[in-house]
Amino acid sequence: DMVQRANSGHPGAPMGLADIAVVLSEHLNH
């Protein structure tokens, strides 16, 4: 949605990394 609204950007990498990001959230101390 962000890329579509801006009509600019890179949707491919965020969509491909989303599963990793969720698991990383469980390990990240911040």
Full PDB file with SEQRES, HELIX, SHEET, SSBOND, CRYST1, ORIGX, SCALE, CONECT and MASTER records, all heavy atoms in Angstrom:
SEQRES   1 A   30  ASP MET VAL GLN ARG ALA ASN SER GLY HIS PRO GLY ALA          
SEQRES   2 A   30  PRO MET GLY LEU ALA ASP ILE ALA VAL VAL LEU SER GLU          
SEQRES   3 A   30  HIS LEU ASN HIS                                              
HELIX    1 AA1 MET A    2  ALA A    6  1                                   5    
HELIX    2 AA2 GLY A   12  HIS A   27  1                                  16    
CRYST1    1.000    1.000    1.000  90.00  90.00  90.00 P 1           1          
ORIGX1      1.000000  0.000000  0.000000        0.00000                         
ORIGX2      0.000000  1.000000  0.000000        0.00000                         
ORIGX3      0.000000  0.000000  1.000000        0.00000                         
SCALE1      1.000000  0.000000  0.000000        0.00000                         
SCALE2      0.000000  1.000000  0.000000        0.00000                         
SCALE3      0.000000  0.000000  1.000000        0.00000                         
ATOM      1  N   ASP A   1       0.835  -1.217   0.000  1.00  0.00           N  
ATOM      2  CA  ASP A   1       0.000   0.000   0.000  1.00  0.00           C  
ATOM      3  C   ASP A   1       0.861   1.256   0.000  1.00  0.00           C  
ATOM      4  O   ASP A   1       0.518   2.255  -0.653  1.00  0.00           O  
ATOM      5  CB  ASP A   1      -0.931   0.001   1.219  1.00  0.00           C  
ATOM      6  CG  ASP A   1      -2.066  -1.004   1.100  1.00  0.00           C  
ATOM      7  OD1 ASP A   1      -2.362  -1.446  -0.028  1.00  0.00           O  
ATOM      8  OD2 ASP A   1      -2.671  -1.354   2.144  1.00  0.00           O  
ATOM      9  N   MET A   2       1.964   1.231   0.741  1.00  0.00           N  
ATOM     10  CA  MET A   2       2.851   2.401   0.786  1.00  0.00           C  
ATOM     11  C   MET A   2       3.408   2.717  -0.600  1.00  0.00           C  
ATOM     12  O   MET A   2       3.383   3.876  -1.048  1.00  0.00           O  
ATOM     13  CB  MET A   2       4.008   2.146   1.762  1.00  0.00           C  
ATOM     14  CG  MET A   2       3.605   2.141   3.222  1.00  0.00           C  
ATOM     15  SD  MET A   2       4.888   1.413   4.278  1.00  0.00           S  
ATOM     16  CE  MET A   2       6.202   2.586   4.063  1.00  0.00           C  
ATOM     17  N   VAL A   3       3.913   1.711  -1.271  1.00  0.00           N  
ATOM     18  CA  VAL A   3       4.513   1.914  -2.588  1.00  0.00           C  
ATOM     19  C   VAL A   3       3.451   2.333  -3.597  1.00  0.00           C  
ATOM     20  O   VAL A   3       3.684   3.207  -4.443  1.00  0.00           O  
ATOM     21  CB  VAL A   3       5.238   0.628  -3.049  1.00  0.00           C  
ATOM     22  CG1 VAL A   3       5.725   0.765  -4.487  1.00  0.00           C  
ATOM     23  CG2 VAL A   3       6.404   0.308  -2.124  1.00  0.00           C  
ATOM     24  N   GLN A   4       2.276   1.717  -3.495  1.00  0.00           N  
ATOM     25  CA  GLN A   4       1.203   2.053  -4.430  1.00  0.00           C  
ATOM     26  C   GLN A   4       0.754   3.504  -4.261  1.00  0.00           C  
ATOM     27  O   GLN A   4       0.576   4.226  -5.250  1.00  0.00           O  
ATOM     28  CB  GLN A   4       0.014   1.109  -4.204  1.00  0.00           C  
ATOM     29  CG  GLN A   4      -1.056   1.196  -5.282  1.00  0.00           C  
ATOM     30  CD  GLN A   4      -0.553   0.732  -6.632  1.00  0.00           C  
ATOM     31  OE1 GLN A   4       0.332  -0.115  -6.711  1.00  0.00           O  
ATOM     32  NE2 GLN A   4      -1.084   1.317  -7.701  1.00  0.00           N  
ATOM     33  N   ARG A   5       0.574   3.940  -3.021  1.00  0.00           N  
ATOM     34  CA  ARG A   5       0.122   5.314  -2.778  1.00  0.00           C  
ATOM     35  C   ARG A   5       1.172   6.323  -3.237  1.00  0.00           C  
ATOM     36  O   ARG A   5       0.843   7.369  -3.806  1.00  0.00           O  
ATOM     37  CB  ARG A   5      -0.186   5.512  -1.297  1.00  0.00           C  
ATOM     38  CG  ARG A   5      -0.799   6.892  -0.983  1.00  0.00           C  
ATOM     39  CD  ARG A   5      -1.060   7.014   0.508  1.00  0.00           C  
ATOM     40  NE  ARG A   5      -1.645   8.299   0.848  1.00  0.00           N  
ATOM     41  CZ  ARG A   5      -2.944   8.523   0.999  1.00  0.00           C  
ATOM     42  NH1 ARG A   5      -3.822   7.539   0.821  1.00  0.00           N  
ATOM     43  NH2 ARG A   5      -3.396   9.731   1.327  1.00  0.00           N  
ATOM     44  N   ALA A   6       2.459   6.019  -2.993  1.00  0.00           N  
ATOM     45  CA  ALA A   6       3.537   6.926  -3.393  1.00  0.00           C  
ATOM     46  C   ALA A   6       3.796   6.867  -4.894  1.00  0.00           C  
ATOM     47  O   ALA A   6       4.448   7.757  -5.448  1.00  0.00           O  
ATOM     48  CB  ALA A   6       4.813   6.577  -2.637  1.00  0.00           C  
ATOM     49  N   ASN A   7       3.315   5.776  -5.527  1.00  0.00           N  
ATOM     50  CA  ASN A   7       3.617   5.504  -6.934  1.00  0.00           C  
ATOM     51  C   ASN A   7       5.124   5.442  -7.156  1.00  0.00           C  
ATOM     52  O   ASN A   7       5.641   5.861  -8.190  1.00  0.00           O  
ATOM     53  CB  ASN A   7       2.977   6.551  -7.859  1.00  0.00           C  
ATOM     54  CG  ASN A   7       2.951   6.095  -9.307  1.00  0.00           C  
ATOM     55  OD1 ASN A   7       2.865   4.891  -9.594  1.00  0.00           O  
ATOM     56  ND2 ASN A   7       3.047   7.035 -10.238  1.00  0.00           N  
ATOM     57  N   SER A   8       5.812   4.914  -6.133  1.00  0.00           N  
ATOM     58  CA  SER A   8       7.274   4.869  -6.165  1.00  0.00           C  
ATOM     59  C   SER A   8       7.749   3.964  -5.038  1.00  0.00           C  
ATOM     60  O   SER A   8       7.198   4.002  -3.931  1.00  0.00           O  
ATOM     61  CB  SER A   8       7.840   6.283  -5.983  1.00  0.00           C  
ATOM     62  OG  SER A   8       9.235   6.270  -5.827  1.00  0.00           O  
ATOM     63  N   GLY A   9       8.777   3.166  -5.331  1.00  0.00           N  
ATOM     64  CA  GLY A   9       9.343   2.343  -4.272  1.00  0.00           C  
ATOM     65  C   GLY A   9       9.555   0.904  -4.698  1.00  0.00           C  
ATOM     66  O   GLY A   9       9.477   0.571  -5.888  1.00  0.00           O  
ATOM     67  N   HIS A  10       9.807   0.043  -3.702  1.00  0.00           N  
ATOM     68  CA  HIS A  10      10.220  -1.332  -3.950  1.00  0.00           C  
ATOM     69  C   HIS A  10       9.363  -2.284  -3.114  1.00  0.00           C  
ATOM     70  O   HIS A  10       9.691  -2.544  -1.944  1.00  0.00           O  
ATOM     71  CB  HIS A  10      11.701  -1.515  -3.589  1.00  0.00           C  
ATOM     72  CG  HIS A  10      12.617  -0.579  -4.311  1.00  0.00           C  
ATOM     73  ND1 HIS A  10      12.746   0.752  -3.961  1.00  0.00           N  
ATOM     74  CD2 HIS A  10      13.445  -0.780  -5.369  1.00  0.00           C  
ATOM     75  CE1 HIS A  10      13.620   1.329  -4.770  1.00  0.00           C  
ATOM     76  NE2 HIS A  10      14.058   0.432  -5.635  1.00  0.00           N  
ATOM     77  N   PRO A  11       8.320  -2.855  -3.683  1.00  0.00           N  
ATOM     78  CA  PRO A  11       7.467  -3.760  -2.902  1.00  0.00           C  
ATOM     79  C   PRO A  11       8.008  -5.183  -2.788  1.00  0.00           C  
ATOM     80  O   PRO A  11       7.691  -5.904  -1.845  1.00  0.00           O  
ATOM     81  CB  PRO A  11       6.154  -3.756  -3.690  1.00  0.00           C  
ATOM     82  CG  PRO A  11       6.579  -3.504  -5.114  1.00  0.00           C  
ATOM     83  CD  PRO A  11       7.782  -2.584  -5.031  1.00  0.00           C  
ATOM     84  N   GLY A  12       8.846  -5.604  -3.732  1.00  0.00           N  
ATOM     85  CA  GLY A  12       9.251  -7.006  -3.811  1.00  0.00           C  
ATOM     86  C   GLY A  12       9.997  -7.508  -2.600  1.00  0.00           C  
ATOM     87  O   GLY A  12       9.659  -8.560  -2.032  1.00  0.00           O  
ATOM     88  N   ALA A  13      11.053  -6.789  -2.181  1.00  0.00           N  
ATOM     89  CA  ALA A  13      11.864  -7.232  -1.045  1.00  0.00           C  
ATOM     90  C   ALA A  13      11.075  -7.252   0.265  1.00  0.00           C  
ATOM     91  O   ALA A  13      11.147  -8.236   1.017  1.00  0.00           O  
ATOM     92  CB  ALA A  13      13.114  -6.369  -0.915  1.00  0.00           C  
ATOM     93  N   PRO A  14      10.297  -6.207   0.587  1.00  0.00           N  
ATOM     94  CA  PRO A  14       9.518  -6.259   1.832  1.00  0.00           C  
ATOM     95  C   PRO A  14       8.550  -7.441   1.884  1.00  0.00           C  
ATOM     96  O   PRO A  14       8.398  -8.081   2.930  1.00  0.00           O  
ATOM     97  CB  PRO A  14       8.758  -4.932   1.821  1.00  0.00           C  
ATOM     98  CG  PRO A  14       9.595  -4.019   0.997  1.00  0.00           C  
ATOM     99  CD  PRO A  14      10.200  -4.877  -0.059  1.00  0.00           C  
ATOM    100  N   MET A  15       7.919  -7.752   0.760  1.00  0.00           N  
ATOM    101  CA  MET A  15       6.968  -8.866   0.748  1.00  0.00           C  
ATOM    102  C   MET A  15       7.700 -10.202   0.874  1.00  0.00           C  
ATOM    103  O   MET A  15       7.217 -11.132   1.530  1.00  0.00           O  
ATOM    104  CB  MET A  15       6.123  -8.819  -0.516  1.00  0.00           C  
ATOM    105  CG  MET A  15       5.260  -7.562  -0.614  1.00  0.00           C  
ATOM    106  SD  MET A  15       4.189  -7.513  -2.060  1.00  0.00           S  
ATOM    107  CE  MET A  15       2.868  -8.608  -1.543  1.00  0.00           C  
ATOM    108  N   GLY A  16       8.893 -10.297   0.285  1.00  0.00           N  
ATOM    109  CA  GLY A  16       9.665 -11.529   0.385  1.00  0.00           C  
ATOM    110  C   GLY A  16      10.267 -11.748   1.756  1.00  0.00           C  
ATOM    111  O   GLY A  16      10.491 -12.895   2.169  1.00  0.00           O  
ATOM    112  N   LEU A  17      10.529 -10.656   2.481  1.00  0.00           N  
ATOM    113  CA  LEU A  17      11.181 -10.751   3.794  1.00  0.00           C  
ATOM    114  C   LEU A  17      10.200 -10.744   4.964  1.00  0.00           C  
ATOM    115  O   LEU A  17      10.611 -10.844   6.120  1.00  0.00           O  
ATOM    116  CB  LEU A  17      12.149  -9.572   3.969  1.00  0.00           C  
ATOM    117  CG  LEU A  17      13.497  -9.693   3.264  1.00  0.00           C  
ATOM    118  CD1 LEU A  17      14.198  -8.335   3.217  1.00  0.00           C  
ATOM    119  CD2 LEU A  17      14.386 -10.709   3.975  1.00  0.00           C  
ATOM    120  N   ALA A  18       8.918 -10.621   4.692  1.00  0.00           N  
ATOM    121  CA  ALA A  18       7.946 -10.434   5.768  1.00  0.00           C  
ATOM    122  C   ALA A  18       7.947 -11.591   6.768  1.00  0.00           C  
ATOM    123  O   ALA A  18       7.852 -11.378   7.990  1.00  0.00           O  
ATOM    124  CB  ALA A  18       6.551 -10.244   5.174  1.00  0.00           C  
ATOM    125  N   ASP A  19       8.057 -12.821   6.281  1.00  0.00           N  
ATOM    126  CA  ASP A  19       8.047 -13.966   7.205  1.00  0.00           C  
ATOM    127  C   ASP A  19       9.267 -13.945   8.120  1.00  0.00           C  
ATOM    128  O   ASP A  19       9.172 -14.227   9.325  1.00  0.00           O  
ATOM    129  CB  ASP A  19       8.007 -15.270   6.401  1.00  0.00           C  
ATOM    130  CG  ASP A  19       6.788 -15.359   5.490  1.00  0.00           C  
ATOM    131  OD1 ASP A  19       5.685 -15.064   5.971  1.00  0.00           O  
ATOM    132  OD2 ASP A  19       6.956 -15.700   4.306  1.00  0.00           O  
ATOM    133  N   ILE A  20      10.415 -13.608   7.544  1.00  0.00           N  
ATOM    134  CA  ILE A  20      11.645 -13.506   8.349  1.00  0.00           C  
ATOM    135  C   ILE A  20      11.507 -12.393   9.382  1.00  0.00           C  
ATOM    136  O   ILE A  20      11.922 -12.550  10.538  1.00  0.00           O  
ATOM    137  CB  ILE A  20      12.852 -13.251   7.427  1.00  0.00           C  
ATOM    138  CG1 ILE A  20      13.094 -14.481   6.539  1.00  0.00           C  
ATOM    139  CG2 ILE A  20      14.104 -12.909   8.223  1.00  0.00           C  
ATOM    140  CD1 ILE A  20      14.072 -14.244   5.415  1.00  0.00           C  
ATOM    141  N   ALA A  21      10.911 -11.267   8.980  1.00  0.00           N  
ATOM    142  CA  ALA A  21      10.760 -10.131   9.895  1.00  0.00           C  
ATOM    143  C   ALA A  21       9.913 -10.496  11.107  1.00  0.00           C  
ATOM    144  O   ALA A  21      10.184 -10.046  12.226  1.00  0.00           O  
ATOM    145  CB  ALA A  21      10.143  -8.951   9.151  1.00  0.00           C  
ATOM    146  N   VAL A  22       8.893 -11.303  10.904  1.00  0.00           N  
ATOM    147  CA  VAL A  22       8.031 -11.695  12.024  1.00  0.00           C  
ATOM    148  C   VAL A  22       8.820 -12.529  13.037  1.00  0.00           C  
ATOM    149  O   VAL A  22       8.754 -12.288  14.251  1.00  0.00           O  
ATOM    150  CB  VAL A  22       6.808 -12.488  11.509  1.00  0.00           C  
ATOM    151  CG1 VAL A  22       6.067 -13.149  12.668  1.00  0.00           C  
ATOM    152  CG2 VAL A  22       5.869 -11.553  10.755  1.00  0.00           C  
ATOM    153  N   VAL A  23       9.592 -13.496  12.552  1.00  0.00           N  
ATOM    154  CA  VAL A  23      10.373 -14.333  13.470  1.00  0.00           C  
ATOM    155  C   VAL A  23      11.500 -13.516  14.107  1.00  0.00           C  
ATOM    156  O   VAL A  23      11.799 -13.672  15.301  1.00  0.00           O  
ATOM    157  CB  VAL A  23      10.939 -15.566  12.739  1.00  0.00           C  
ATOM    158  CG1 VAL A  23      11.727 -16.440  13.702  1.00  0.00           C  
ATOM    159  CG2 VAL A  23       9.810 -16.366  12.097  1.00  0.00           C  
ATOM    160  N   LEU A  24      12.108 -12.632  13.335  1.00  0.00           N  
ATOM    161  CA  LEU A  24      13.148 -11.760  13.896  1.00  0.00           C  
ATOM    162  C   LEU A  24      12.592 -10.940  15.053  1.00  0.00           C  
ATOM    163  O   LEU A  24      13.286 -10.704  16.057  1.00  0.00           O  
ATOM    164  CB  LEU A  24      13.699 -10.835  12.805  1.00  0.00           C  
ATOM    165  CG  LEU A  24      14.755  -9.814  13.227  1.00  0.00           C  
ATOM    166  CD1 LEU A  24      15.995 -10.501  13.790  1.00  0.00           C  
ATOM    167  CD2 LEU A  24      15.141  -8.928  12.039  1.00  0.00           C  
ATOM    168  N   SER A  25      11.335 -10.511  14.943  1.00  0.00           N  
ATOM    169  CA  SER A  25      10.705  -9.734  16.019  1.00  0.00           C  
ATOM    170  C   SER A  25      10.700 -10.501  17.340  1.00  0.00           C  
ATOM    171  O   SER A  25      10.752  -9.893  18.417  1.00  0.00           O  
ATOM    172  CB  SER A  25       9.257  -9.382  15.635  1.00  0.00           C  
ATOM    173  OG  SER A  25       9.212  -8.545  14.510  1.00  0.00           O  
ATOM    174  N   GLU A  26      10.652 -11.821  17.252  1.00  0.00           N  
ATOM    175  CA  GLU A  26      10.624 -12.645  18.462  1.00  0.00           C  
ATOM    176  C   GLU A  26      12.007 -12.766  19.102  1.00  0.00           C  
ATOM    177  O   GLU A  26      12.125 -13.098  20.281  1.00  0.00           O  
ATOM    178  CB  GLU A  26      10.086 -14.036  18.114  1.00  0.00           C  
ATOM    179  CG  GLU A  26       8.671 -14.033  17.566  1.00  0.00           C  
ATOM    180  CD  GLU A  26       8.271 -15.390  16.985  1.00  0.00           C  
ATOM    181  OE1 GLU A  26       8.867 -16.415  17.397  1.00  0.00           O  
ATOM    182  OE2 GLU A  26       7.383 -15.427  16.110  1.00  0.00           O  
ATOM    183  N   HIS A  27      13.060 -12.509  18.324  1.00  0.00           N  
ATOM    184  CA  HIS A  27      14.433 -12.671  18.824  1.00  0.00           C  
ATOM    185  C   HIS A  27      15.107 -11.344  19.162  1.00  0.00           C  
ATOM    186  O   HIS A  27      16.069 -11.316  19.936  1.00  0.00           O  
ATOM    187  CB  HIS A  27      15.279 -13.408  17.777  1.00  0.00           C  
ATOM    188  CG  HIS A  27      14.946 -14.854  17.644  1.00  0.00           C  
ATOM    189  ND1 HIS A  27      15.613 -15.857  18.334  1.00  0.00           N  
ATOM    190  CD2 HIS A  27      13.992 -15.492  16.908  1.00  0.00           C  
ATOM    191  CE1 HIS A  27      15.100 -17.026  18.023  1.00  0.00           C  
ATOM    192  NE2 HIS A  27      14.111 -16.845  17.151  1.00  0.00           N  
ATOM    193  N   LEU A  28      14.638 -10.275  18.601  1.00  0.00           N  
ATOM    194  CA  LEU A  28      15.315  -8.978  18.701  1.00  0.00           C  
ATOM    195  C   LEU A  28      15.109  -8.352  20.076  1.00  0.00           C  
ATOM    196  O   LEU A  28      13.969  -8.193  20.536  1.00  0.00           O  
ATOM    197  CB  LEU A  28      14.778  -8.040  17.613  1.00  0.00           C  
ATOM    198  CG  LEU A  28      15.578  -6.774  17.320  1.00  0.00           C  
ATOM    199  CD1 LEU A  28      16.905  -7.107  16.645  1.00  0.00           C  
ATOM    200  CD2 LEU A  28      14.752  -5.838  16.411  1.00  0.00           C  
ATOM    201  N   ASN A  29      16.198  -7.982  20.745  1.00  0.00           N  
ATOM    202  CA  ASN A  29      16.134  -7.260  22.019  1.00  0.00           C  
ATOM    203  C   ASN A  29      16.308  -5.768  21.752  1.00  0.00           C  
ATOM    204  O   ASN A  29      17.399  -5.320  21.396  1.00  0.00           O  
ATOM    205  CB  ASN A  29      17.224  -7.746  22.973  1.00  0.00           C  
ATOM    206  CG  ASN A  29      16.982  -9.162  23.461  1.00  0.00           C  
ATOM    207  OD1 ASN A  29      15.849  -9.628  23.510  1.00  0.00           O  
ATOM    208  ND2 ASN A  29      18.046  -9.869  23.799  1.00  0.00           N  
ATOM    209  N   HIS A  30      15.235  -5.020  21.904  1.00  0.00           N  
ATOM    210  CA  HIS A  30      15.271  -3.579  21.646  1.00  0.00           C  
ATOM    211  C   HIS A  30      14.192  -2.913  22.474  1.00  0.00           C  
ATOM    212  O   HIS A  30      13.305  -3.587  23.013  1.00  0.00           O  
ATOM    213  CB  HIS A  30      15.068  -3.292  20.155  1.00  0.00           C  
ATOM    214  CG  HIS A  30      13.750  -3.764  19.606  1.00  0.00           C  
ATOM    215  ND1 HIS A  30      12.855  -2.948  18.958  1.00  0.00           N  
ATOM    216  CD2 HIS A  30      13.159  -4.996  19.611  1.00  0.00           C  
ATOM    217  CE1 HIS A  30      11.793  -3.646  18.586  1.00  0.00           C  
ATOM    218  NE2 HIS A  30      11.964  -4.886  18.969  1.00  0.00           N  
TER     219      HIS A  30                                                      
MASTER        0    0    0    2    0    0    0    6  218    1    0    3          
END                                                                             
